[in-house]
Amino acid sequence: MKKGELTRSAIVASALELAGLEGLEGITLGKLAERMAMSKSGVFAHFGSREELQIAVLKAHERRFADDVLLPALSRPRGLPRVRAIVERWIDHTGSAGGSGCLWIAGASELDDRPGPVRDALVGMVRGWQRELMRAIAQAVEASELRDDLPPEDLLAELFGVVLVLHHDRRLLRSPDALARARRVADRLLGAAAAASRAPSARASRARRRPAEPRPARHRLP
C-alpha cells in the first residue's frame, strides 16, 4: 500500500473513532488534524469534501460490522442456527462497543431528515443489512425451523426494535443490564417464532396424552 493510501486509511480510522464519540457531525477537519498531527489542508487533500470523508467513515464501519457480525455467522448452518448467530453477534456488537454504540443508529438520528449523499449512503447500508437478515430468516422458514405464518418483516422489525432499545439504554441511560436484557428478549422472540415448528400444538399434545374414553356398551332389547 502506498504512503498516500496508508495516510488516508489512518485518517478514516481516526475519524471513525471520533464519530463513535461525537457522531458523524462531530467529524471536522480541525479535530482530525489535531488528532493526526497534520495540517487541515493535509487532511483535506485526501478527501474532496467533508461529505466524502463521512461516507468513507460509514464504509469503514460497514466493513467492521460485516467482519464482526455477518461473516462469522455465515459459518453456521442455514436456518435457525444462522439466524441466532447473526442476532447474537449483532447484539454483542452493539452493546459491547465501549459506550460508542452503533454508528448506523446514531447516524440515523443525525441524518434522517437531511437529504444528501451521506444520508443516501447510510440508507443503502442499512437496507443492505436488512436484506441479509431477511435472507437468513427466509432460509429458516424454508427449512421449517421458523413459523411460516409469521411475516419475516415482522420478525425483522421486532429484532431491530431490540437493538434500537439496547443502543438507547446503553448509550443514553448507561443502563448496566441493557445488554443482558436485549439477549433475553431476542432469545424469547426467536423461541416464539420457532415454537410451532419444533413441537405440536398444546391442544394436539393434550389430545394424544388423554386416554381414550371407553365407548358405552350396546344393549340389545330382548
C-alpha atoms as a PDB file:
ATOM      1  CA  MET A   1       0.000   0.000   0.000  1.00  0.00           C
ATOM      2  CA  LYS A   2       1.324   3.422  -0.972  1.00  0.00           C
ATOM      3  CA  LYS A   3       2.062   6.140   1.562  1.00  0.00           C
ATOM      4  CA  GLY A   4      -0.930   8.223   0.472  1.00  0.00           C
ATOM      5  CA  GLU A   5      -3.265   5.242   0.883  1.00  0.00           C
ATOM      6  CA  LEU A   6      -1.829   4.494   4.308  1.00  0.00           C
ATOM      7  CA  THR A   7      -2.361   8.098   5.375  1.00  0.00           C
ATOM      8  CA  ARG A   8      -5.941   8.066   4.063  1.00  0.00           C
ATOM      9  CA  SER A   9      -6.667   4.820   5.935  1.00  0.00           C
ATOM     10  CA  ALA A  10      -5.217   6.282   9.123  1.00  0.00           C
ATOM     11  CA  ILE A  11      -7.378   9.400   8.756  1.00  0.00           C
ATOM     12  CA  VAL A  12     -10.504   7.291   8.231  1.00  0.00           C
ATOM     13  CA  ALA A  13      -9.686   5.135  11.274  1.00  0.00           C
ATOM     14  CA  SER A  14      -9.231   8.234  13.414  1.00  0.00           C
ATOM     15  CA  ALA A  15     -12.435   9.765  12.033  1.00  0.00           C
ATOM     16  CA  LEU A  16     -14.332   6.537  12.780  1.00  0.00           C
ATOM     17  CA  GLU A  17     -13.180   6.680  16.386  1.00  0.00           C
ATOM     18  CA  LEU A  18     -14.158  10.344  16.582  1.00  0.00           C
ATOM     19  CA  ALA A  19     -17.588   9.609  15.089  1.00  0.00           C
ATOM     20  CA  GLY A  20     -18.152   6.952  17.740  1.00  0.00           C
ATOM     21  CA  LEU A  21     -17.687   9.616  20.391  1.00  0.00           C
ATOM     22  CA  GLU A  22     -19.262  12.674  18.789  1.00  0.00           C
ATOM     23  CA  GLY A  23     -21.303  11.420  15.827  1.00  0.00           C
ATOM     24  CA  LEU A  24     -20.821  11.965  12.119  1.00  0.00           C
ATOM     25  CA  GLU A  25     -21.375  15.694  12.520  1.00  0.00           C
ATOM     26  CA  GLY A  26     -18.583  15.739  15.082  1.00  0.00           C
ATOM     27  CA  ILE A  27     -16.042  14.965  12.369  1.00  0.00           C
ATOM     28  CA  THR A  28     -14.247  18.208  11.490  1.00  0.00           C
ATOM     29  CA  LEU A  29     -11.005  18.886   9.699  1.00  0.00           C
ATOM     30  CA  GLY A  30      -9.719  20.771  12.711  1.00  0.00           C
ATOM     31  CA  LYS A  31     -10.277  17.892  15.142  1.00  0.00           C
ATOM     32  CA  LEU A  32      -8.836  15.348  12.728  1.00  0.00           C
ATOM     33  CA  ALA A  33      -5.809  17.490  12.011  1.00  0.00           C
ATOM     34  CA  GLU A  34      -5.149  17.754  15.730  1.00  0.00           C
ATOM     35  CA  ARG A  35      -5.561  14.013  16.273  1.00  0.00           C
ATOM     36  CA  MET A  36      -3.358  13.163  13.282  1.00  0.00           C
ATOM     37  CA  ALA A  37      -0.761  15.884  13.960  1.00  0.00           C
ATOM     38  CA  MET A  38      -1.350  17.199  10.434  1.00  0.00           C
ATOM     39  CA  SER A  39      -2.456  20.461   8.910  1.00  0.00           C
ATOM     40  CA  LYS A  40      -6.080  20.957   7.888  1.00  0.00           C
ATOM     41  CA  SER A  41      -5.030  21.231   4.263  1.00  0.00           C
ATOM     42  CA  GLY A  42      -3.094  17.976   4.624  1.00  0.00           C
ATOM     43  CA  VAL A  43      -6.213  16.176   5.864  1.00  0.00           C
ATOM     44  CA  PHE A  44      -8.428  17.786   3.236  1.00  0.00           C
ATOM     45  CA  ALA A  45      -6.043  16.787   0.437  1.00  0.00           C
ATOM     46  CA  HIS A  46      -7.068  13.131   0.878  1.00  0.00           C
ATOM     47  CA  PHE A  47     -10.797  13.851   0.531  1.00  0.00           C
ATOM     48  CA  GLY A  48     -12.659  16.037  -1.897  1.00  0.00           C
ATOM     49  CA  SER A  49     -15.176  17.153   0.713  1.00  0.00           C
ATOM     50  CA  ARG A  50     -16.351  16.609   4.271  1.00  0.00           C
ATOM     51  CA  GLU A  51     -19.207  14.519   2.895  1.00  0.00           C
ATOM     52  CA  GLU A  52     -16.737  12.231   1.134  1.00  0.00           C
ATOM     53  CA  LEU A  53     -14.907  11.776   4.430  1.00  0.00           C
ATOM     54  CA  GLN A  54     -18.155  10.965   6.254  1.00  0.00           C
ATOM     55  CA  ILE A  55     -19.090   8.387   3.611  1.00  0.00           C
ATOM     56  CA  ALA A  56     -15.641   6.821   3.925  1.00  0.00           C
ATOM     57  CA  VAL A  57     -16.215   6.557   7.679  1.00  0.00           C
ATOM     58  CA  LEU A  58     -19.586   4.868   7.135  1.00  0.00           C
ATOM     59  CA  LYS A  59     -17.986   2.381   4.745  1.00  0.00           C
ATOM     60  CA  ALA A  60     -15.281   1.623   7.303  1.00  0.00           C
ATOM     61  CA  HIS A  61     -17.974   0.979   9.890  1.00  0.00           C
ATOM     62  CA  GLU A  62     -19.798  -1.278   7.422  1.00  0.00           C
ATOM     63  CA  ARG A  63     -16.642  -3.374   6.874  1.00  0.00           C
ATOM     64  CA  ARG A  64     -16.087  -3.674  10.611  1.00  0.00           C
ATOM     65  CA  PHE A  65     -19.734  -4.634  11.120  1.00  0.00           C
ATOM     66  CA  ALA A  66     -19.505  -7.330   8.453  1.00  0.00           C
ATOM     67  CA  ASP A  67     -16.300  -8.709   9.974  1.00  0.00           C
ATOM     68  CA  ASP A  68     -17.739  -8.756  13.500  1.00  0.00           C
ATOM     69  CA  VAL A  69     -21.312  -9.842  12.822  1.00  0.00           C
ATOM     70  CA  LEU A  70     -22.181 -11.214   9.405  1.00  0.00           C
ATOM     71  CA  LEU A  71     -19.147 -13.170   8.201  1.00  0.00           C
ATOM     72  CA  PRO A  72     -18.651 -15.250  11.373  1.00  0.00           C
ATOM     73  CA  ALA A  73     -22.371 -16.059  11.491  1.00  0.00           C
ATOM     74  CA  LEU A  74     -22.330 -17.308   7.896  1.00  0.00           C
ATOM     75  CA  SER A  75     -20.174 -20.218   9.039  1.00  0.00           C
ATOM     76  CA  ARG A  76     -23.203 -21.596  10.914  1.00  0.00           C
ATOM     77  CA  PRO A  77     -25.661 -23.905   9.127  1.00  0.00           C
ATOM     78  CA  ARG A  78     -28.503 -22.281   7.224  1.00  0.00           C
ATOM     79  CA  GLY A  79     -31.699 -21.960   9.170  1.00  0.00           C
ATOM     80  CA  LEU A  80     -32.356 -21.071  12.776  1.00  0.00           C
ATOM     81  CA  PRO A  81     -28.727 -21.620  13.928  1.00  0.00           C
ATOM     82  CA  ARG A  82     -27.536 -18.972  11.480  1.00  0.00           C
ATOM     83  CA  VAL A  83     -30.305 -16.537  12.415  1.00  0.00           C
ATOM     84  CA  ARG A  84     -29.469 -16.955  16.098  1.00  0.00           C
ATOM     85  CA  ALA A  85     -25.755 -16.441  15.427  1.00  0.00           C
ATOM     86  CA  ILE A  86     -26.414 -13.265  13.446  1.00  0.00           C
ATOM     87  CA  VAL A  87     -28.709 -11.813  16.098  1.00  0.00           C
ATOM     88  CA  GLU A  88     -26.414 -12.739  18.987  1.00  0.00           C
ATOM     89  CA  ARG A  89     -23.377 -11.192  17.325  1.00  0.00           C
ATOM     90  CA  TRP A  90     -25.395  -8.123  16.295  1.00  0.00           C
ATOM     91  CA  ILE A  91     -26.479  -7.532  19.883  1.00  0.00           C
ATOM     92  CA  ASP A  92     -22.982  -8.113  21.243  1.00  0.00           C
ATOM     93  CA  HIS A  93     -21.508  -5.749  18.650  1.00  0.00           C
ATOM     94  CA  THR A  94     -23.982  -3.014  19.544  1.00  0.00           C
ATOM     95  CA  GLY A  95     -23.819  -3.497  23.287  1.00  0.00           C
ATOM     96  CA  SER A  96     -20.083  -4.027  23.611  1.00  0.00           C
ATOM     97  CA  ALA A  97     -18.876  -1.050  21.589  1.00  0.00           C
ATOM     98  CA  GLY A  98     -17.192   0.630  24.531  1.00  0.00           C
ATOM     99  CA  GLY A  99     -20.048   3.057  25.054  1.00  0.00           C
ATOM    100  CA  SER A 100     -19.878   4.399  21.492  1.00  0.00           C
ATOM    101  CA  GLY A 101     -22.863   2.380  20.309  1.00  0.00           C
ATOM    102  CA  CYS A 102     -23.718   1.783  16.658  1.00  0.00           C
ATOM    103  CA  LEU A 103     -22.731   4.428  14.135  1.00  0.00           C
ATOM    104  CA  TRP A 104     -25.623   3.458  11.872  1.00  0.00           C
ATOM    105  CA  ILE A 105     -28.173   4.049  14.631  1.00  0.00           C
ATOM    106  CA  ALA A 106     -26.509   7.242  15.818  1.00  0.00           C
ATOM    107  CA  GLY A 107     -26.189   8.427  12.224  1.00  0.00           C
ATOM    108  CA  ALA A 108     -29.887   7.819  11.596  1.00  0.00           C
ATOM    109  CA  SER A 109     -30.737  10.339  14.317  1.00  0.00           C
ATOM    110  CA  GLU A 110     -28.451  12.908  12.713  1.00  0.00           C
ATOM    111  CA  LEU A 111     -29.389  12.340   9.089  1.00  0.00           C
ATOM    112  CA  ASP A 112     -32.984  11.083   8.991  1.00  0.00           C
ATOM    113  CA  ASP A 113     -34.374  14.429   7.791  1.00  0.00           C
ATOM    114  CA  ARG A 114     -31.273  15.727   5.997  1.00  0.00           C
ATOM    115  CA  PRO A 115     -31.243  14.649   2.348  1.00  0.00           C
ATOM    116  CA  GLY A 116     -27.907  14.287   0.636  1.00  0.00           C
ATOM    117  CA  PRO A 117     -25.214  11.768  -0.357  1.00  0.00           C
ATOM    118  CA  VAL A 118     -24.247  10.881   3.231  1.00  0.00           C
ATOM    119  CA  ARG A 119     -27.834  10.036   4.134  1.00  0.00           C
ATOM    120  CA  ASP A 120     -28.213   8.076   0.883  1.00  0.00           C
ATOM    121  CA  ALA A 121     -25.090   6.069   1.700  1.00  0.00           C
ATOM    122  CA  LEU A 122     -26.359   5.291   5.196  1.00  0.00           C
ATOM    123  CA  VAL A 123     -29.787   4.239   3.919  1.00  0.00           C
ATOM    124  CA  GLY A 124     -28.172   1.911   1.380  1.00  0.00           C
ATOM    125  CA  MET A 125     -26.040   0.247   4.053  1.00  0.00           C
ATOM    126  CA  VAL A 126     -28.912  -0.277   6.482  1.00  0.00           C
ATOM    127  CA  ARG A 127     -31.140  -1.676   3.733  1.00  0.00           C
ATOM    128  CA  GLY A 128     -28.339  -3.988   2.676  1.00  0.00           C
ATOM    129  CA  TRP A 129     -28.053  -5.282   6.234  1.00  0.00           C
ATOM    130  CA  GLN A 130     -31.820  -5.787   6.415  1.00  0.00           C
ATOM    131  CA  ARG A 131     -31.692  -7.813   3.194  1.00  0.00           C
ATOM    132  CA  GLU A 132     -29.005 -10.086   4.643  1.00  0.00           C
ATOM    133  CA  LEU A 133     -31.012 -10.713   7.797  1.00  0.00           C
ATOM    134  CA  MET A 134     -34.223 -11.221   5.801  1.00  0.00           C
ATOM    135  CA  ARG A 135     -32.399 -13.786   3.645  1.00  0.00           C
ATOM    136  CA  ALA A 136     -31.320 -15.722   6.737  1.00  0.00           C
ATOM    137  CA  ILE A 137     -34.861 -15.609   8.144  1.00  0.00           C
ATOM    138  CA  ALA A 138     -36.350 -16.793   4.821  1.00  0.00           C
ATOM    139  CA  GLN A 139     -33.916 -19.723   4.741  1.00  0.00           C
ATOM    140  CA  ALA A 140     -35.006 -20.702   8.254  1.00  0.00           C
ATOM    141  CA  VAL A 141     -38.656 -20.594   7.186  1.00  0.00           C
ATOM    142  CA  GLU A 142     -37.870 -22.766   4.149  1.00  0.00           C
ATOM    143  CA  ALA A 143     -36.136 -25.242   6.455  1.00  0.00           C
ATOM    144  CA  SER A 144     -39.292 -25.360   8.632  1.00  0.00           C
ATOM    145  CA  GLU A 145     -37.294 -24.022  11.577  1.00  0.00           C
ATOM    146  CA  LEU A 146     -39.257 -20.774  11.821  1.00  0.00           C
ATOM    147  CA  ARG A 147     -43.016 -20.370  11.622  1.00  0.00           C
ATOM    148  CA  ASP A 148     -44.359 -19.794   8.138  1.00  0.00           C
ATOM    149  CA  ASP A 149     -47.396 -17.901   9.462  1.00  0.00           C
ATOM    150  CA  LEU A 150     -45.229 -15.118  10.920  1.00  0.00           C
ATOM    151  CA  PRO A 151     -44.311 -12.472   8.299  1.00  0.00           C
ATOM    152  CA  PRO A 152     -40.491 -12.263   8.109  1.00  0.00           C
ATOM    153  CA  GLU A 153     -40.810  -8.470   8.006  1.00  0.00           C
ATOM    154  CA  ASP A 154     -42.483  -8.542  11.428  1.00  0.00           C
ATOM    155  CA  LEU A 155     -39.716 -10.613  12.984  1.00  0.00           C
ATOM    156  CA  LEU A 156     -37.135  -8.323  11.405  1.00  0.00           C
ATOM    157  CA  ALA A 157     -38.888  -5.274  12.875  1.00  0.00           C
ATOM    158  CA  GLU A 158     -39.040  -6.864  16.330  1.00  0.00           C
ATOM    159  CA  LEU A 159     -35.336  -7.720  16.275  1.00  0.00           C
ATOM    160  CA  PHE A 160     -34.447  -4.225  15.084  1.00  0.00           C
ATOM    161  CA  GLY A 161     -36.509  -2.885  17.958  1.00  0.00           C
ATOM    162  CA  VAL A 162     -34.443  -4.879  20.444  1.00  0.00           C
ATOM    163  CA  VAL A 163     -31.209  -3.441  19.078  1.00  0.00           C
ATOM    164  CA  LEU A 164     -32.559   0.115  18.980  1.00  0.00           C
ATOM    165  CA  VAL A 165     -33.611  -0.094  22.628  1.00  0.00           C
ATOM    166  CA  LEU A 166     -30.240  -1.612  23.512  1.00  0.00           C
ATOM    167  CA  HIS A 167     -28.434   1.304  21.864  1.00  0.00           C
ATOM    168  CA  HIS A 168     -30.705   3.801  23.619  1.00  0.00           C
ATOM    169  CA  ASP A 169     -30.415   2.248  27.082  1.00  0.00           C
ATOM    170  CA  ARG A 170     -26.716   1.518  26.804  1.00  0.00           C
ATOM    171  CA  ARG A 171     -25.603   4.859  25.443  1.00  0.00           C
ATOM    172  CA  LEU A 172     -28.135   7.371  26.789  1.00  0.00           C
ATOM    173  CA  LEU A 173     -29.214   5.788  30.074  1.00  0.00           C
ATOM    174  CA  ARG A 174     -25.949   3.931  30.755  1.00  0.00           C
ATOM    175  CA  SER A 175     -28.076   1.005  31.901  1.00  0.00           C
ATOM    176  CA  PRO A 176     -25.776  -1.758  33.198  1.00  0.00           C
ATOM    177  CA  ASP A 177     -28.239  -4.548  32.376  1.00  0.00           C
ATOM    178  CA  ALA A 178     -29.183  -3.366  28.875  1.00  0.00           C
ATOM    179  CA  LEU A 179     -27.066  -5.979  27.109  1.00  0.00           C
ATOM    180  CA  ALA A 180     -28.314  -8.913  29.175  1.00  0.00           C
ATOM    181  CA  ARG A 181     -31.913  -7.761  28.730  1.00  0.00           C
ATOM    182  CA  ALA A 182     -31.518  -7.460  24.951  1.00  0.00           C
ATOM    183  CA  ARG A 183     -30.153 -11.001  24.807  1.00  0.00           C
ATOM    184  CA  ARG A 184     -33.103 -12.340  26.801  1.00  0.00           C
ATOM    185  CA  VAL A 185     -35.706 -10.542  24.708  1.00  0.00           C
ATOM    186  CA  ALA A 186     -34.144 -11.618  21.403  1.00  0.00           C
ATOM    187  CA  ASP A 187     -33.933 -15.211  22.594  1.00  0.00           C
ATOM    188  CA  ARG A 188     -37.593 -15.087  23.610  1.00  0.00           C
ATOM    189  CA  LEU A 189     -38.621 -13.662  20.218  1.00  0.00           C
ATOM    190  CA  LEU A 190     -36.752 -16.340  18.303  1.00  0.00           C
ATOM    191  CA  GLY A 191     -38.069 -19.036  20.613  1.00  0.00           C
ATOM    192  CA  ALA A 192     -41.636 -17.928  19.992  1.00  0.00           C
ATOM    193  CA  ALA A 193     -41.050 -17.759  16.246  1.00  0.00           C
ATOM    194  CA  ALA A 194     -39.645 -21.293  16.235  1.00  0.00           C
ATOM    195  CA  ALA A 195     -42.101 -22.873  18.693  1.00  0.00           C
ATOM    196  CA  ALA A 196     -44.647 -24.079  16.142  1.00  0.00           C
ATOM    197  CA  SER A 197     -42.018 -25.774  14.001  1.00  0.00           C
ATOM    198  CA  ARG A 198     -40.351 -27.575  16.919  1.00  0.00           C
ATOM    199  CA  ALA A 199     -43.349 -29.027  18.677  1.00  0.00           C
ATOM    200  CA  PRO A 200     -47.000 -29.861  18.070  1.00  0.00           C
ATOM    201  CA  SER A 201     -49.654 -27.585  19.413  1.00  0.00           C
ATOM    202  CA  ALA A 202     -50.590 -27.835  23.073  1.00  0.00           C
ATOM    203  CA  ARG A 203     -54.098 -28.945  22.144  1.00  0.00           C
ATOM    204  CA  ALA A 204     -52.760 -31.765  19.963  1.00  0.00           C
ATOM    205  CA  SER A 205     -50.347 -32.831  22.686  1.00  0.00           C
ATOM    206  CA  ARG A 206     -53.125 -32.963  25.288  1.00  0.00           C
ATOM    207  CA  ALA A 207     -55.309 -34.945  22.933  1.00  0.00           C
ATOM    208  CA  ARG A 208     -52.583 -37.559  22.457  1.00  0.00           C
ATOM    209  CA  ARG A 209     -51.902 -37.806  26.184  1.00  0.00           C
ATOM    210  CA  ARG A 210     -55.592 -38.134  27.171  1.00  0.00           C
ATOM    211  CA  PRO A 211     -56.626 -41.799  27.417  1.00  0.00           C
ATOM    212  CA  ALA A 212     -59.435 -42.841  25.163  1.00  0.00           C
ATOM    213  CA  GLU A 213     -62.783 -42.958  26.866  1.00  0.00           C
ATOM    214  CA  PRO A 214     -64.493 -46.366  26.727  1.00  0.00           C
ATOM    215  CA  ARG A 215     -67.464 -46.499  24.481  1.00  0.00           C
ATOM    216  CA  PRO A 216     -70.738 -47.320  26.213  1.00  0.00           C
ATOM    217  CA  ALA A 217     -71.780 -50.937  25.752  1.00  0.00           C
ATOM    218  CA  ARG A 218     -74.613 -51.579  23.381  1.00  0.00           C
ATOM    219  CA  HIS A 219     -77.618 -53.297  24.888  1.00  0.00           C
ATOM    220  CA  ARG A 220     -79.936 -55.299  22.732  1.00  0.00           C
ATOM    221  CA  LEU A 221     -83.555 -55.314  23.553  1.00  0.00           C
ATOM    222  CA  PRO A 222     -84.863 -58.751  24.434  1.00  0.00           C
END
